[in-house]
Every structure is written in C-alpha cells, then in structure tokens.
Amino acid sequence: MSSVMNAQPIQGAQYSRFTARPLSGSFGALISGVQVAEAIDDDALFAELRQAWLTYSALFFRDQDLTPEQHLALGARFGEVQKEGYAPSIDGLAGVWVQEYPQMYQGPVNDINWHADSSFRENPTRGSLLYALDVPVAAGDTVWADAHAAYESLSPSWKEFIDPLVAIHDAATMNVHAMIDAMGGGFLAMRQQLPPTQQPVVATHPETGRKMLFVSELMTREILGMSPRESRAVLDFLFAHQTRPEFQCRWHWEPKSLVLWDNYATIHRGIFDFGQEHRLMHRVSFHDGWRPSA
C-alpha cells in the first residue's frame, strides 16, 4: 500500500462563533455564520478564527462585506502588512493590492504555476487574505495544495533523503525572459533588490511544528550540491508529488468570497481559463519575520 493511502483525513473542529466544514480530506474549511470583519475588534472571535486557520491552513468564506479599510485592518491583526508587491495598492491604502485580470497576465506576472508567495525572500509571506469583487461566472478558480500532507505521505526513505537538502529559490526561475522583455534594464535592478535565496527543501512550521515540503515549480530553481540533471530529477518528482489531487483544495470564486491561507503550509496557483473576462480581486498579505528552517 502506498504511503499516500496512509495519510489521515482532516477531522472537523468545533467553534463557538462559526461553523467550519472541511472542504477536502487533507485541509481547508468553509467557514459559515460569521462576518470576518467583526474579528477586527473582537478578540475572542479573532482567536477562534486564527486557531481554525492553523488547523485547516486555508479558510474559505462566502458573502463577506469587507471594505478596503477593514481588509487592511484585518490583515494587520495577523501580521505586518506587506506594503510592496507585484500589484498596485489602492490610493491611500498601501498594502491593499489590486489584482485585475486579464491585464495582469499581459506582463511578467505569472501566478498560474504552483508557488508559495515570496519564497525567494529570506522572510517569506506568512499569509494572505484575498477578496473577490468581480469574477467570471464559471472560470478563474484558485487551487491550493497541502505542503504538510505532501511531506507526511512520503516514504521514510524519501524523507531521510530530502530532509537535509537545501534549494535555491529565485523569483526569475520560470519567467525570466518575460521579465527581461517587460522590464529591460530594470530587470537587473530587480535582481539586486530580490536576489535568489537558499531555503530548506523541508521546513518546520513555526507555530504547529509540523514538517512540510518547501519547494514549488515557480520559485525553486535548483538543489545545492547536485548536478543539474540530479537536481531536475528530484525537483520534478517533488513538484508532481506535492500537487497530487489528494492534497488539493479547489475554490470557485463568487463576488464577496474571501480566502485566508497559510503561505507556509500551502502552495497555490490560479487557473487562467477565463480568457478576456474581467476578474477583480483585492488582496492583503502579511509576514511575521520567520526564516524557514528544518
């Protein structure tokens, strides 16, 4: 029997202020019965939501009324809001990024490959709150994958092999040519500001203590100490393994949908199947200064 079959399905947890219904056998929960904006000033509600976030790694909400000001304030409760990103912020509200499609896909930005946000930084993004304003009726989903379950399902031999490995994470791993074409000389300045970073292939979550795969096809360039062919073979296996269907949770957006995800414990990708249809999202990301370690 494969090790994947031995992975334990997630169990539902009980909360006093809302209900949490698991959305997959691995992670993720639909949260109902609450307006998340209330957690800005309600410490007890915030504590329960944060605990659910650590339990499920990704929380999904429908029918949320959330102003940009509330969105920013909520993100600040989880960590230090990231002011600079790959998308512009709302005027006067630095950190509330405006992600508007298909315009964003016409440049070097590419979130249709699996990744953990900013894993190329020494201190990666801790998590994000993504809020849908205008979305296609039947397209434009986002998929997350469980980095904990992906690691835990590996055989003991694979775990022993990859536990000590270190990889290079690079913002230009996959889309370097598009970046050069779009940015010209600015590409070199970007490389100086965001140089490649060494990260462990297997990291330990700073709050839950669970181990997780910390690689992704968009950001992980190579494994140190291996030939290019060896590195490619190992990474290709890990990329395919960590995105198996049993580790995934797919979300269909509706207006006023909100997702809060743990960027350490998951990877994600957008599905660009909506052509020229409009898709407008607001996003607040935050960090806590964690440096990945085994």
Protein backbone atom coordinates (compact mmCIF):
# COMPACT_ATOMS: atom_id res chain seq x y z
CA MET A 1 0.00 0.00 0.00
CA SER A 2 1.40 3.42 -0.90
CA SER A 3 2.30 5.92 1.80
CA VAL A 4 -0.26 8.35 0.38
CA MET A 5 -3.05 5.98 1.38
CA ASN A 6 -1.85 6.17 4.98
CA ALA A 7 -2.41 9.94 5.21
CA GLN A 8 -5.04 10.74 7.84
CA PRO A 9 -8.13 12.70 6.67
CA ILE A 10 -8.73 16.02 8.36
CA GLN A 11 -11.29 15.99 11.17
CA GLY A 12 -13.90 18.68 11.72
CA ALA A 13 -13.29 21.03 14.66
CA GLN A 14 -15.91 22.76 16.81
CA TYR A 15 -16.03 26.53 17.28
CA SER A 16 -18.42 28.69 19.30
CA ARG A 17 -18.71 31.65 16.89
CA PHE A 18 -18.91 29.94 13.50
CA THR A 19 -19.04 26.57 11.79
CA ALA A 20 -16.12 25.01 9.93
CA ARG A 21 -16.84 22.37 7.28
CA PRO A 22 -13.81 20.58 5.80
CA LEU A 23 -13.56 21.02 2.04
CA SER A 24 -11.15 18.16 1.35
CA GLY A 25 -9.74 15.09 3.01
CA SER A 26 -6.47 16.91 3.63
CA PHE A 27 -7.02 20.57 4.57
CA GLY A 28 -9.21 23.64 4.03
CA ALA A 29 -12.57 24.55 5.58
CA LEU A 30 -15.63 26.55 4.60
CA ILE A 31 -16.39 28.99 7.43
CA SER A 32 -20.05 29.94 7.86
CA GLY A 33 -22.15 32.02 10.25
CA VAL A 34 -19.79 34.96 10.67
CA GLN A 35 -18.75 38.24 9.10
CA VAL A 36 -14.99 38.14 9.30
CA ALA A 37 -14.73 41.94 9.62
CA GLU A 38 -16.12 41.58 13.15
CA ALA A 39 -12.81 39.95 14.16
CA ILE A 40 -11.02 43.29 13.77
CA ASP A 41 -12.29 44.43 17.16
CA ASP A 42 -13.46 41.14 18.67
CA ASP A 43 -10.50 39.40 20.30
CA ALA A 44 -12.38 36.19 21.10
CA LEU A 45 -13.63 35.82 17.53
CA PHE A 46 -10.20 36.59 16.13
CA ALA A 47 -8.60 33.96 18.39
CA GLU A 48 -11.03 31.29 17.15
CA LEU A 49 -10.50 32.24 13.51
CA ARG A 50 -6.75 32.17 13.95
CA GLN A 51 -6.92 28.73 15.56
CA ALA A 52 -9.06 27.46 12.69
CA TRP A 53 -6.53 28.90 10.26
CA LEU A 54 -3.72 26.94 11.92
CA THR A 55 -5.86 23.80 11.96
CA TYR A 56 -7.04 23.91 8.34
CA SER A 57 -4.29 26.03 6.65
CA ALA A 58 -6.89 27.69 4.41
CA LEU A 59 -10.23 29.22 5.40
CA PHE A 60 -12.91 29.94 2.80
CA PHE A 61 -15.77 32.41 3.26
CA ARG A 62 -18.83 33.42 1.21
CA ASP A 63 -20.93 36.61 1.29
CA GLN A 64 -18.47 38.75 3.19
CA ASP A 65 -18.98 42.52 3.43
CA LEU A 66 -15.45 43.89 3.65
CA THR A 67 -14.35 47.44 2.87
CA PRO A 68 -10.73 48.06 1.83
CA GLU A 69 -10.14 49.74 5.19
CA GLN A 70 -11.48 46.70 7.05
CA HIS A 71 -9.50 44.39 4.78
CA LEU A 72 -6.29 46.21 5.70
CA ALA A 73 -7.11 46.26 9.41
CA LEU A 74 -7.89 42.54 9.40
CA GLY A 75 -4.59 41.72 7.73
CA ALA A 76 -2.75 43.79 10.33
CA ARG A 77 -4.20 41.57 13.07
CA PHE A 78 -2.42 38.56 11.56
CA GLY A 79 0.97 40.16 10.97
CA GLU A 80 2.89 43.05 9.47
CA VAL A 81 1.14 44.06 6.25
CA GLN A 82 3.30 43.87 3.13
CA LYS A 83 3.23 47.29 1.53
CA GLU A 84 5.11 46.45 -1.67
CA GLY A 85 4.12 43.70 -4.06
CA TYR A 86 3.69 42.76 -7.69
CA ALA A 87 0.32 44.56 -7.90
CA PRO A 88 -0.51 48.23 -7.22
CA SER A 89 -2.17 49.27 -3.97
CA ILE A 90 -5.35 51.30 -3.60
CA ASP A 91 -4.53 55.00 -3.33
CA GLY A 92 -4.10 55.90 0.32
CA LEU A 93 -4.27 52.26 1.46
CA ALA A 94 -0.79 50.82 0.94
CA GLY A 95 -0.97 47.06 1.26
CA VAL A 96 -4.41 46.58 -0.27
CA TRP A 97 -3.25 45.27 -3.61
CA VAL A 98 -5.48 45.49 -6.66
CA GLN A 99 -5.27 42.34 -8.78
CA GLU A 100 -7.15 42.92 -12.01
CA TYR A 101 -7.24 40.43 -14.84
CA PRO A 102 -6.65 39.81 -17.69
CA GLN A 103 -4.41 42.91 -17.55
CA MET A 104 -2.03 41.32 -15.04
CA TYR A 105 -1.34 38.35 -17.32
CA GLN A 106 -0.22 40.68 -20.11
CA GLY A 107 3.04 41.43 -18.27
CA PRO A 108 5.69 39.36 -16.49
CA VAL A 109 3.38 38.38 -13.64
CA ASN A 110 2.62 34.68 -13.68
CA ASP A 111 0.63 33.05 -10.87
CA ILE A 112 -0.67 30.16 -12.96
CA ASN A 113 2.19 27.95 -11.79
CA TRP A 114 2.33 26.41 -8.34
CA HIS A 115 4.09 28.56 -5.74
CA ALA A 116 4.29 29.83 -2.20
CA ASP A 117 4.31 33.61 -2.25
CA SER A 118 7.71 35.28 -1.88
CA SER A 119 9.51 32.05 -1.00
CA PHE A 120 12.52 33.67 -2.69
CA ARG A 121 12.72 36.17 0.18
CA GLU A 122 14.64 35.38 3.35
CA ASN A 123 11.38 36.04 5.22
CA PRO A 124 8.53 34.74 3.03
CA THR A 125 4.94 35.89 3.14
CA ARG A 126 3.14 34.47 6.20
CA GLY A 127 -0.35 34.51 4.73
CA SER A 128 -2.87 36.39 2.64
CA LEU A 129 -6.50 37.49 2.59
CA LEU A 130 -7.84 37.50 -0.97
CA TYR A 131 -11.25 39.10 -1.57
CA ALA A 132 -13.28 38.78 -4.77
CA LEU A 133 -15.10 41.80 -6.17
CA ASP A 134 -15.87 40.86 -9.78
CA VAL A 135 -15.24 37.34 -11.06
CA PRO A 136 -16.20 35.17 -14.04
CA VAL A 137 -19.30 33.06 -13.55
CA ALA A 138 -17.70 29.71 -14.36
CA ALA A 139 -13.92 30.19 -14.51
CA GLY A 140 -10.95 31.68 -12.73
CA ASP A 141 -10.74 29.26 -9.78
CA THR A 142 -7.76 29.05 -7.45
CA VAL A 143 -6.28 25.77 -6.21
CA TRP A 144 -4.26 25.22 -3.04
CA ALA A 145 -2.19 22.16 -2.11
CA ASP A 146 -1.24 20.91 1.34
CA ALA A 147 2.53 21.05 1.93
CA HIS A 148 2.21 19.15 5.22
CA ALA A 149 0.31 16.19 3.78
CA ALA A 150 2.64 16.07 0.78
CA TYR A 151 5.64 15.63 3.07
CA GLU A 152 3.97 13.32 5.55
CA SER A 153 2.86 10.91 2.81
CA LEU A 154 6.40 10.36 1.53
CA SER A 155 8.14 7.08 2.32
CA PRO A 156 10.70 7.05 5.16
CA SER A 157 13.46 6.65 2.56
CA TRP A 158 12.43 9.80 0.70
CA LYS A 159 12.11 11.76 3.93
CA GLU A 160 15.59 10.71 5.04
CA PHE A 161 16.95 11.71 1.62
CA ILE A 162 15.37 15.17 1.33
CA ASP A 163 15.35 16.30 4.98
CA PRO A 164 18.87 17.81 4.87
CA LEU A 165 18.64 19.27 1.34
CA VAL A 166 18.81 22.99 0.57
CA ALA A 167 17.43 24.63 -2.57
CA ILE A 168 17.75 27.96 -4.36
CA HIS A 169 14.53 29.96 -4.61
CA ASP A 170 14.51 32.57 -7.35
CA ALA A 171 11.79 34.99 -8.48
CA ALA A 172 13.01 34.52 -12.06
CA THR A 173 13.04 30.71 -12.05
CA MET A 174 10.40 30.31 -14.78
CA ASN A 175 9.54 33.67 -16.34
CA VAL A 176 12.96 35.30 -16.70
CA HIS A 177 12.54 36.02 -20.42
CA ALA A 178 9.16 37.69 -19.93
CA MET A 179 10.66 39.78 -17.13
CA ILE A 180 13.58 40.90 -19.29
CA ASP A 181 11.28 41.75 -22.20
CA ALA A 182 8.92 43.73 -19.98
CA MET A 183 11.42 45.38 -17.63
CA GLY A 184 14.50 45.91 -19.80
CA GLY A 185 17.31 47.36 -17.71
CA GLY A 186 15.04 47.35 -14.68
CA PHE A 187 15.43 43.58 -14.53
CA LEU A 188 18.98 43.91 -13.17
CA ALA A 189 17.80 46.33 -10.51
CA MET A 190 15.07 43.88 -9.53
CA ARG A 191 17.64 41.09 -9.25
CA GLN A 192 19.73 43.21 -6.92
CA GLN A 193 16.71 44.01 -4.78
CA LEU A 194 15.36 40.42 -4.80
CA PRO A 195 18.35 38.10 -5.12
CA PRO A 196 17.99 34.31 -5.03
CA THR A 197 17.75 32.81 -1.55
CA GLN A 198 18.70 29.48 -0.03
CA GLN A 199 15.79 27.65 1.65
CA PRO A 200 15.45 24.16 3.16
CA VAL A 201 13.64 21.64 0.98
CA VAL A 202 11.82 20.50 4.13
CA ALA A 203 10.88 23.17 6.66
CA THR A 204 9.21 23.02 10.07
CA HIS A 205 6.15 25.21 10.57
CA PRO A 206 7.00 27.80 13.24
CA GLU A 207 3.64 27.51 15.03
CA THR A 208 2.36 23.97 14.55
CA GLY A 209 5.73 22.21 14.49
CA ARG A 210 4.68 20.08 11.51
CA LYS A 211 7.14 19.41 8.71
CA MET A 212 6.30 20.49 5.17
CA LEU A 213 7.73 20.50 1.69
CA PHE A 214 9.04 23.98 0.97
CA VAL A 215 9.53 23.87 -2.80
CA SER A 216 7.47 24.96 -5.80
CA GLU A 217 7.82 24.85 -9.55
CA LEU A 218 7.54 28.63 -9.95
CA MET A 219 10.13 29.60 -7.35
CA THR A 220 12.53 26.68 -6.73
CA ARG A 221 15.41 26.73 -9.19
CA GLU A 222 17.82 24.01 -8.10
CA ILE A 223 19.07 21.90 -5.20
CA LEU A 224 22.52 22.69 -3.86
CA GLY A 225 25.20 20.04 -4.10
CA MET A 226 23.65 18.23 -7.07
CA SER A 227 24.36 18.23 -10.78
CA PRO A 228 21.69 19.97 -12.89
CA ARG A 229 20.30 16.60 -14.04
CA GLU A 230 20.15 15.23 -10.49
CA SER A 231 18.51 18.40 -9.18
CA ARG A 232 15.97 18.41 -12.00
CA ALA A 233 15.02 14.78 -11.38
CA VAL A 234 14.46 15.31 -7.65
CA LEU A 235 12.56 18.56 -8.06
CA ASP A 236 10.36 17.21 -10.85
CA PHE A 237 9.34 14.32 -8.60
CA LEU A 238 8.60 16.62 -5.66
CA PHE A 239 6.63 19.07 -7.83
CA ALA A 240 4.47 16.26 -9.21
CA HIS A 241 4.05 14.66 -5.80
CA GLN A 242 3.07 17.80 -3.86
CA THR A 243 0.28 18.64 -6.33
CA ARG A 244 -1.43 15.24 -6.41
CA PRO A 245 -5.24 15.57 -6.33
CA GLU A 246 -5.50 14.14 -2.81
CA PHE A 247 -3.51 17.12 -1.48
CA GLN A 248 -5.58 19.76 -3.32
CA CYS A 249 -8.49 22.02 -2.46
CA ARG A 250 -10.08 23.97 -5.33
CA TRP A 251 -12.13 27.11 -4.74
CA HIS A 252 -14.69 28.64 -7.09
CA TRP A 253 -14.88 32.39 -6.57
CA GLU A 254 -18.09 34.38 -6.25
CA PRO A 255 -18.42 38.10 -5.56
CA LYS A 256 -17.73 38.77 -1.86
CA SER A 257 -15.85 35.49 -1.42
CA LEU A 258 -12.79 35.64 0.83
CA VAL A 259 -9.92 33.21 1.39
CA LEU A 260 -7.36 33.30 4.18
CA TRP A 261 -4.45 30.93 3.61
CA ASP A 262 -1.28 29.90 5.39
CA ASN A 263 1.52 30.55 2.90
CA TYR A 264 3.96 28.37 4.83
CA ALA A 265 1.72 25.29 4.91
CA THR A 266 0.36 25.51 1.35
CA ILE A 267 1.22 26.27 -2.24
CA HIS A 268 -1.32 27.58 -4.74
CA ARG A 269 -1.96 28.50 -8.36
CA GLY A 270 -4.54 30.47 -10.27
CA ILE A 271 -6.38 28.82 -13.15
CA PHE A 272 -6.32 31.11 -16.17
CA ASP A 273 -9.29 29.72 -18.06
CA PHE A 274 -11.34 32.91 -18.29
CA GLY A 275 -9.74 34.48 -21.38
CA GLN A 276 -10.60 38.16 -21.58
CA GLU A 277 -13.32 38.07 -18.91
CA HIS A 278 -12.90 40.53 -16.09
CA ARG A 279 -11.61 39.36 -12.69
CA LEU A 280 -11.01 41.90 -9.92
CA MET A 281 -9.62 40.97 -6.53
CA HIS A 282 -8.30 42.86 -3.52
CA ARG A 283 -5.51 41.24 -1.56
CA VAL A 284 -3.76 41.92 1.74
CA SER A 285 -0.65 39.89 2.57
CA PHE A 286 1.30 39.85 5.82
CA HIS A 287 4.50 38.44 7.26
CA ASP A 288 5.95 37.71 10.69
CA GLY A 289 9.70 37.67 10.13
CA TRP A 290 10.06 33.87 10.04
CA ARG A 291 13.17 32.48 8.36
CA PRO A 292 12.48 28.95 7.03
CA SER A 293 14.45 26.25 8.81
CA ALA A 294 14.40 22.50 9.04
